PDB file of all heavy atoms in Angstrom:
ATOM      1  N   SER A   1      81.888  96.793 103.783  1.00  0.00           N
ATOM      2  CA  SER A   1      81.150  97.096 105.021  1.00  0.00           C
ATOM      3  C   SER A   1      82.041  97.940 105.904  1.00  0.00           C
ATOM      4  O   SER A   1      83.257  97.985 105.768  1.00  0.00           O
ATOM      5  CB  SER A   1      80.749  95.829 105.730  1.00  0.00           C
ATOM      6  OG  SER A   1      81.877  95.044 106.032  1.00  0.00           O
ATOM      7  N   SER A   2      81.486  98.578 106.858  1.00  0.00           N
ATOM      8  CA  SER A   2      82.213  99.452 107.744  1.00  0.00           C
ATOM      9  C   SER A   2      82.890  98.616 108.789  1.00  0.00           C
ATOM     10  O   SER A   2      82.573  97.468 109.044  1.00  0.00           O
ATOM     11  CB  SER A   2      81.279 100.472 108.445  1.00  0.00           C
ATOM     12  OG  SER A   2      80.269  99.790 109.144  1.00  0.00           O
ATOM     13  N   GLY A   3      83.818  99.246 109.517  1.00  0.00           N
ATOM     14  CA  GLY A   3      84.514  98.512 110.613  1.00  0.00           C
ATOM     15  C   GLY A   3      85.883  98.076 110.140  1.00  0.00           C
ATOM     16  O   GLY A   3      86.000  97.416 109.122  1.00  0.00           O
ATOM     17  N   PRO A   4      86.899  98.454 110.914  1.00  0.00           N
ATOM     18  CA  PRO A   4      88.278  98.070 110.543  1.00  0.00           C
ATOM     19  C   PRO A   4      88.506  96.575 110.719  1.00  0.00           C
ATOM     20  O   PRO A   4      87.955  95.959 111.612  1.00  0.00           O
ATOM     21  CB  PRO A   4      89.146  98.889 111.493  1.00  0.00           C
ATOM     22  CG  PRO A   4      88.265  99.067 112.737  1.00  0.00           C
ATOM     23  CD  PRO A   4      86.849  99.209 112.190  1.00  0.00           C
ATOM     24  N   ARG A   5      89.308  96.006 109.867  1.00  0.00           N
ATOM     25  CA  ARG A   5      89.713  94.604 110.005  1.00  0.00           C
ATOM     26  C   ARG A   5      91.133  94.493 109.400  1.00  0.00           C
ATOM     27  O   ARG A   5      91.424  95.151 108.406  1.00  0.00           O
ATOM     28  CB  ARG A   5      88.710  93.630 109.379  1.00  0.00           C
ATOM     29  CG  ARG A   5      88.453  93.922 107.910  1.00  0.00           C
ATOM     30  CD  ARG A   5      87.390  93.031 107.350  1.00  0.00           C
ATOM     31  NE  ARG A   5      87.737  91.593 107.451  1.00  0.00           N
ATOM     32  CZ  ARG A   5      88.347  90.953 106.504  1.00  0.00           C
ATOM     33  NH1 ARG A   5      88.691  91.543 105.397  1.00  0.00           N
ATOM     34  NH2 ARG A   5      88.643  89.698 106.628  1.00  0.00           N
ATOM     35  N   PRO A   6      91.992  93.669 110.010  1.00  0.00           N
ATOM     36  CA  PRO A   6      93.332  93.561 109.480  1.00  0.00           C
ATOM     37  C   PRO A   6      93.304  93.034 108.061  1.00  0.00           C
ATOM     38  O   PRO A   6      92.509  92.138 107.733  1.00  0.00           O
ATOM     39  CB  PRO A   6      93.963  92.528 110.444  1.00  0.00           C
ATOM     40  CG  PRO A   6      92.837  91.767 110.993  1.00  0.00           C
ATOM     41  CD  PRO A   6      91.713  92.760 111.147  1.00  0.00           C
ATOM     42  N   MET A   7      94.189  93.544 107.201  1.00  0.00           N
ATOM     43  CA  MET A   7      94.181  93.175 105.783  1.00  0.00           C
ATOM     44  C   MET A   7      95.424  92.427 105.418  1.00  0.00           C
ATOM     45  O   MET A   7      96.556  92.740 105.908  1.00  0.00           O
ATOM     46  CB  MET A   7      94.059  94.435 104.921  1.00  0.00           C
ATOM     47  CG  MET A   7      92.654  94.973 104.897  1.00  0.00           C
ATOM     48  SD  MET A   7      91.390  93.820 104.377  1.00  0.00           S
ATOM     49  CE  MET A   7      92.023  93.373 102.738  1.00  0.00           C
ATOM     50  N   ASN A   8      95.312  91.457 104.572  1.00  0.00           N
ATOM     51  CA  ASN A   8      96.440  90.725 104.024  1.00  0.00           C
ATOM     52  C   ASN A   8      96.886  91.492 102.735  1.00  0.00           C
ATOM     53  O   ASN A   8      96.036  91.630 101.831  1.00  0.00           O
ATOM     54  CB  ASN A   8      95.952  89.322 103.650  1.00  0.00           C
ATOM     55  CG  ASN A   8      97.031  88.466 103.049  1.00  0.00           C
ATOM     56  OD1 ASN A   8      98.091  88.995 102.627  1.00  0.00           O
ATOM     57  ND2 ASN A   8      96.847  87.171 103.088  1.00  0.00           N
ATOM     58  N   PRO A   9      98.086  92.008 102.672  1.00  0.00           N
ATOM     59  CA  PRO A   9      98.478  92.768 101.499  1.00  0.00           C
ATOM     60  C   PRO A   9      98.447  91.962 100.183  1.00  0.00           C
ATOM     61  O   PRO A   9      98.506  92.551  99.073  1.00  0.00           O
ATOM     62  CB  PRO A   9      99.884  93.214 101.867  1.00  0.00           C
ATOM     63  CG  PRO A   9     100.363  92.287 102.914  1.00  0.00           C
ATOM     64  CD  PRO A   9      99.129  91.889 103.695  1.00  0.00           C
ATOM     65  N   ALA A  10      98.405  90.619 100.291  1.00  0.00           N
ATOM     66  CA  ALA A  10      98.348  89.794  99.096  1.00  0.00           C
ATOM     67  C   ALA A  10      96.932  89.628  98.553  1.00  0.00           C
ATOM     68  O   ALA A  10      96.717  89.016  97.528  1.00  0.00           O
ATOM     69  CB  ALA A  10      98.942  88.453  99.343  1.00  0.00           C
ATOM     70  N   VAL A  11      95.948  90.206  99.294  1.00  0.00           N
ATOM     71  CA  VAL A  11      94.527  90.028  98.852  1.00  0.00           C
ATOM     72  C   VAL A  11      93.936  91.340  98.417  1.00  0.00           C
ATOM     73  O   VAL A  11      94.019  92.332  99.173  1.00  0.00           O
ATOM     74  CB  VAL A  11      93.728  89.462 100.044  1.00  0.00           C
ATOM     75  CG1 VAL A  11      92.216  89.365  99.664  1.00  0.00           C
ATOM     76  CG2 VAL A  11      94.206  88.079 100.448  1.00  0.00           C
ATOM     77  N   ASP A  12      93.339  91.365  97.243  1.00  0.00           N
ATOM     78  CA  ASP A  12      92.623  92.500  96.745  1.00  0.00           C
ATOM     79  C   ASP A  12      91.258  92.542  97.432  1.00  0.00           C
ATOM     80  O   ASP A  12      90.448  91.625  97.253  1.00  0.00           O
ATOM     81  CB  ASP A  12      92.463  92.398  95.241  1.00  0.00           C
ATOM     82  CG  ASP A  12      91.746  93.604  94.620  1.00  0.00           C
ATOM     83  OD1 ASP A  12      91.401  94.516  95.330  1.00  0.00           O
ATOM     84  OD2 ASP A  12      91.563  93.580  93.390  1.00  0.00           O
ATOM     85  N   PRO A  13      90.957  93.595  98.201  1.00  0.00           N
ATOM     86  CA  PRO A  13      89.647  93.700  98.840  1.00  0.00           C
ATOM     87  C   PRO A  13      88.534  94.018  97.892  1.00  0.00           C
ATOM     88  O   PRO A  13      87.340  94.019  98.283  1.00  0.00           O
ATOM     89  CB  PRO A  13      89.815  94.761  99.862  1.00  0.00           C
ATOM     90  CG  PRO A  13      90.858  95.669  99.290  1.00  0.00           C
ATOM     91  CD  PRO A  13      91.820  94.725  98.566  1.00  0.00           C
ATOM     92  N   GLY A  14      88.861  94.241  96.632  1.00  0.00           N
ATOM     93  CA  GLY A  14      87.815  94.549  95.637  1.00  0.00           C
ATOM     94  C   GLY A  14      87.664  96.026  95.407  1.00  0.00           C
ATOM     95  O   GLY A  14      87.871  96.834  96.290  1.00  0.00           O
ATOM     96  N   THR A  15      87.331  96.404  94.212  1.00  0.00           N
ATOM     97  CA  THR A  15      87.094  97.772  93.810  1.00  0.00           C
ATOM     98  C   THR A  15      85.655  97.937  93.345  1.00  0.00           C
ATOM     99  O   THR A  15      85.187  97.153  92.513  1.00  0.00           O
ATOM    100  CB  THR A  15      88.086  98.166  92.703  1.00  0.00           C
ATOM    101  OG1 THR A  15      89.410  97.965  93.116  1.00  0.00           O
ATOM    102  CG2 THR A  15      87.869  99.615  92.253  1.00  0.00           C
ATOM    103  N   HIS A  16      85.034  98.960  93.818  1.00  0.00           N
ATOM    104  CA  HIS A  16      83.633  99.260  93.435  1.00  0.00           C
ATOM    105  C   HIS A  16      83.554  99.602  91.990  1.00  0.00           C
ATOM    106  O   HIS A  16      84.340 100.431  91.483  1.00  0.00           O
ATOM    107  CB  HIS A  16      83.072 100.336  94.276  1.00  0.00           C
ATOM    108  CG  HIS A  16      81.654 100.731  93.905  1.00  0.00           C
ATOM    109  ND1 HIS A  16      80.546  99.925  94.100  1.00  0.00           N
ATOM    110  CD2 HIS A  16      81.203 101.840  93.269  1.00  0.00           C
ATOM    111  CE1 HIS A  16      79.467 100.534  93.670  1.00  0.00           C
ATOM    112  NE2 HIS A  16      79.811 101.659  93.141  1.00  0.00           N
ATOM    113  N   LEU A  17      82.591  99.023  91.260  1.00  0.00           N
ATOM    114  CA  LEU A  17      82.325  99.364  89.875  1.00  0.00           C
ATOM    115  C   LEU A  17      80.830  99.659  89.734  1.00  0.00           C
ATOM    116  O   LEU A  17      80.023  99.258  90.577  1.00  0.00           O
ATOM    117  CB  LEU A  17      82.708  98.213  88.925  1.00  0.00           C
ATOM    118  CG  LEU A  17      84.165  97.804  88.795  1.00  0.00           C
ATOM    119  CD1 LEU A  17      84.288  96.617  87.824  1.00  0.00           C
ATOM    120  CD2 LEU A  17      84.997  98.960  88.281  1.00  0.00           C
ATOM    121  N   SER A  18      80.466 100.321  88.631  1.00  0.00           N
ATOM    122  CA  SER A  18      79.050 100.592  88.343  1.00  0.00           C
ATOM    123  C   SER A  18      78.846 100.476  86.869  1.00  0.00           C
ATOM    124  O   SER A  18      79.786 100.408  86.058  1.00  0.00           O
ATOM    125  CB  SER A  18      78.666 101.962  88.864  1.00  0.00           C
ATOM    126  OG  SER A  18      79.423 102.977  88.204  1.00  0.00           O
ATOM    127  N   GLY A  19      77.586 100.509  86.462  1.00  0.00           N
ATOM    128  CA  GLY A  19      77.257 100.427  85.061  1.00  0.00           C
ATOM    129  C   GLY A  19      76.828  99.030  84.656  1.00  0.00           C
ATOM    130  O   GLY A  19      77.084  98.034  85.385  1.00  0.00           O
ATOM    131  N   ALA A  20      76.227  98.877  83.474  1.00  0.00           N
ATOM    132  CA  ALA A  20      75.737  97.586  83.022  1.00  0.00           C
ATOM    133  C   ALA A  20      76.893  96.743  82.540  1.00  0.00           C
ATOM    134  O   ALA A  20      77.813  97.192  81.826  1.00  0.00           O
ATOM    135  CB  ALA A  20      74.771  97.799  81.855  1.00  0.00           C
ATOM    136  N   ALA A  21      76.858  95.473  82.892  1.00  0.00           N
ATOM    137  CA  ALA A  21      77.893  94.511  82.442  1.00  0.00           C
ATOM    138  C   ALA A  21      77.568  94.157  80.972  1.00  0.00           C
ATOM    139  O   ALA A  21      76.466  93.870  80.592  1.00  0.00           O
ATOM    140  CB  ALA A  21      77.865  93.251  83.273  1.00  0.00           C
ATOM    141  N   PRO A  22      78.629  94.204  80.115  1.00  0.00           N
ATOM    142  CA  PRO A  22      78.397  93.875  78.664  1.00  0.00           C
ATOM    143  C   PRO A  22      77.851  92.485  78.490  1.00  0.00           C
ATOM    144  O   PRO A  22      78.348  91.517  79.127  1.00  0.00           O
ATOM    145  CB  PRO A  22      79.790  94.025  78.062  1.00  0.00           C
ATOM    146  CG  PRO A  22      80.525  94.945  78.998  1.00  0.00           C
ATOM    147  CD  PRO A  22      80.024  94.621  80.366  1.00  0.00           C
ATOM    148  N   GLY A  23      76.857  92.307  77.638  1.00  0.00           N
ATOM    149  CA  GLY A  23      76.269  91.034  77.391  1.00  0.00           C
ATOM    150  C   GLY A  23      77.163  90.170  76.497  1.00  0.00           C
ATOM    151  O   GLY A  23      78.022  90.714  75.759  1.00  0.00           O
ATOM    152  N   PHE A  24      76.964  88.858  76.532  1.00  0.00           N
ATOM    153  CA  PHE A  24      77.652  87.949  75.668  1.00  0.00           C
ATOM    154  C   PHE A  24      76.930  86.611  75.645  1.00  0.00           C
ATOM    155  O   PHE A  24      76.077  86.352  76.533  1.00  0.00           O
ATOM    156  CB  PHE A  24      79.116  87.733  76.125  1.00  0.00           C
ATOM    157  CG  PHE A  24      79.225  87.241  77.578  1.00  0.00           C
ATOM    158  CD1 PHE A  24      79.035  85.908  77.870  1.00  0.00           C
ATOM    159  CD2 PHE A  24      79.544  88.127  78.548  1.00  0.00           C
ATOM    160  CE1 PHE A  24      79.157  85.457  79.188  1.00  0.00           C
ATOM    161  CE2 PHE A  24      79.687  87.724  79.873  1.00  0.00           C
ATOM    162  CZ  PHE A  24      79.487  86.374  80.206  1.00  0.00           C
ATOM    163  N   SER A  25      77.273  85.792  74.676  1.00  0.00           N
ATOM    164  CA  SER A  25      76.717  84.435  74.591  1.00  0.00           C
ATOM    165  C   SER A  25      77.857  83.543  74.156  1.00  0.00           C
ATOM    166  O   SER A  25      78.446  83.714  73.085  1.00  0.00           O
ATOM    167  CB  SER A  25      75.581  84.347  73.566  1.00  0.00           C
ATOM    168  OG  SER A  25      75.044  83.065  73.482  1.00  0.00           O
ATOM    169  N   LEU A  26      78.153  82.520  74.983  1.00  0.00           N
ATOM    170  CA  LEU A  26      79.255  81.594  74.702  1.00  0.00           C
ATOM    171  C   LEU A  26      78.813  80.162  74.998  1.00  0.00           C
ATOM    172  O   LEU A  26      77.687  79.910  75.409  1.00  0.00           O
ATOM    173  CB  LEU A  26      80.475  81.975  75.535  1.00  0.00           C
ATOM    174  CG  LEU A  26      81.119  83.331  75.223  1.00  0.00           C
ATOM    175  CD1 LEU A  26      82.132  83.725  76.305  1.00  0.00           C
ATOM    176  CD2 LEU A  26      81.812  83.315  73.854  1.00  0.00           C
ATOM    177  N   THR A  27      79.720  79.207  74.871  1.00  0.00           N
ATOM    178  CA  THR A  27      79.400  77.811  75.038  1.00  0.00           C
ATOM    179  C   THR A  27      80.064  77.240  76.302  1.00  0.00           C
ATOM    180  O   THR A  27      81.285  77.469  76.517  1.00  0.00           O
ATOM    181  CB  THR A  27      79.851  76.976  73.786  1.00  0.00           C
ATOM    182  OG1 THR A  27      79.248  77.530  72.638  1.00  0.00           O
ATOM    183  CG2 THR A  27      79.475  75.520  73.953  1.00  0.00           C
ATOM    184  N   ASP A  28      79.309  76.499  77.149  1.00  0.00           N
ATOM    185  CA  ASP A  28      79.899  75.993  78.369  1.00  0.00           C
ATOM    186  C   ASP A  28      80.587  74.620  78.192  1.00  0.00           C
ATOM    187  O   ASP A  28      80.690  74.139  77.045  1.00  0.00           O
ATOM    188  CB  ASP A  28      78.861  75.942  79.490  1.00  0.00           C
ATOM    189  CG  ASP A  28      77.831  74.821  79.310  1.00  0.00           C
ATOM    190  OD1 ASP A  28      78.018  73.947  78.423  1.00  0.00           O
ATOM    191  OD2 ASP A  28      76.815  74.802  80.061  1.00  0.00           O
ATOM    192  N   GLN A  29      81.079  74.040  79.261  1.00  0.00           N
ATOM    193  CA  GLN A  29      81.883  72.794  79.230  1.00  0.00           C
ATOM    194  C   GLN A  29      81.061  71.579  78.789  1.00  0.00           C
ATOM    195  O   GLN A  29      81.626  70.529  78.492  1.00  0.00           O
ATOM    196  CB  GLN A  29      82.484  72.520  80.579  1.00  0.00           C
ATOM    197  CG  GLN A  29      81.507  72.216  81.711  1.00  0.00           C
ATOM    198  CD  GLN A  29      81.096  73.463  82.494  1.00  0.00           C
ATOM    199  OE1 GLN A  29      81.062  74.559  81.981  1.00  0.00           O
ATOM    200  NE2 GLN A  29      80.872  73.303  83.810  1.00  0.00           N
TER     201      GLN A  29
END
C-alpha cells in the first residue's frame, strides 16, 4: 500500500509475484 512507514531491516516486506501457482497434492498431519 502507499504511504511511508518505518521499516525493520530484519523484515522482508514481500516481493510481488504473478502467474499461476504450481498445483500439487500431498498428505496433511
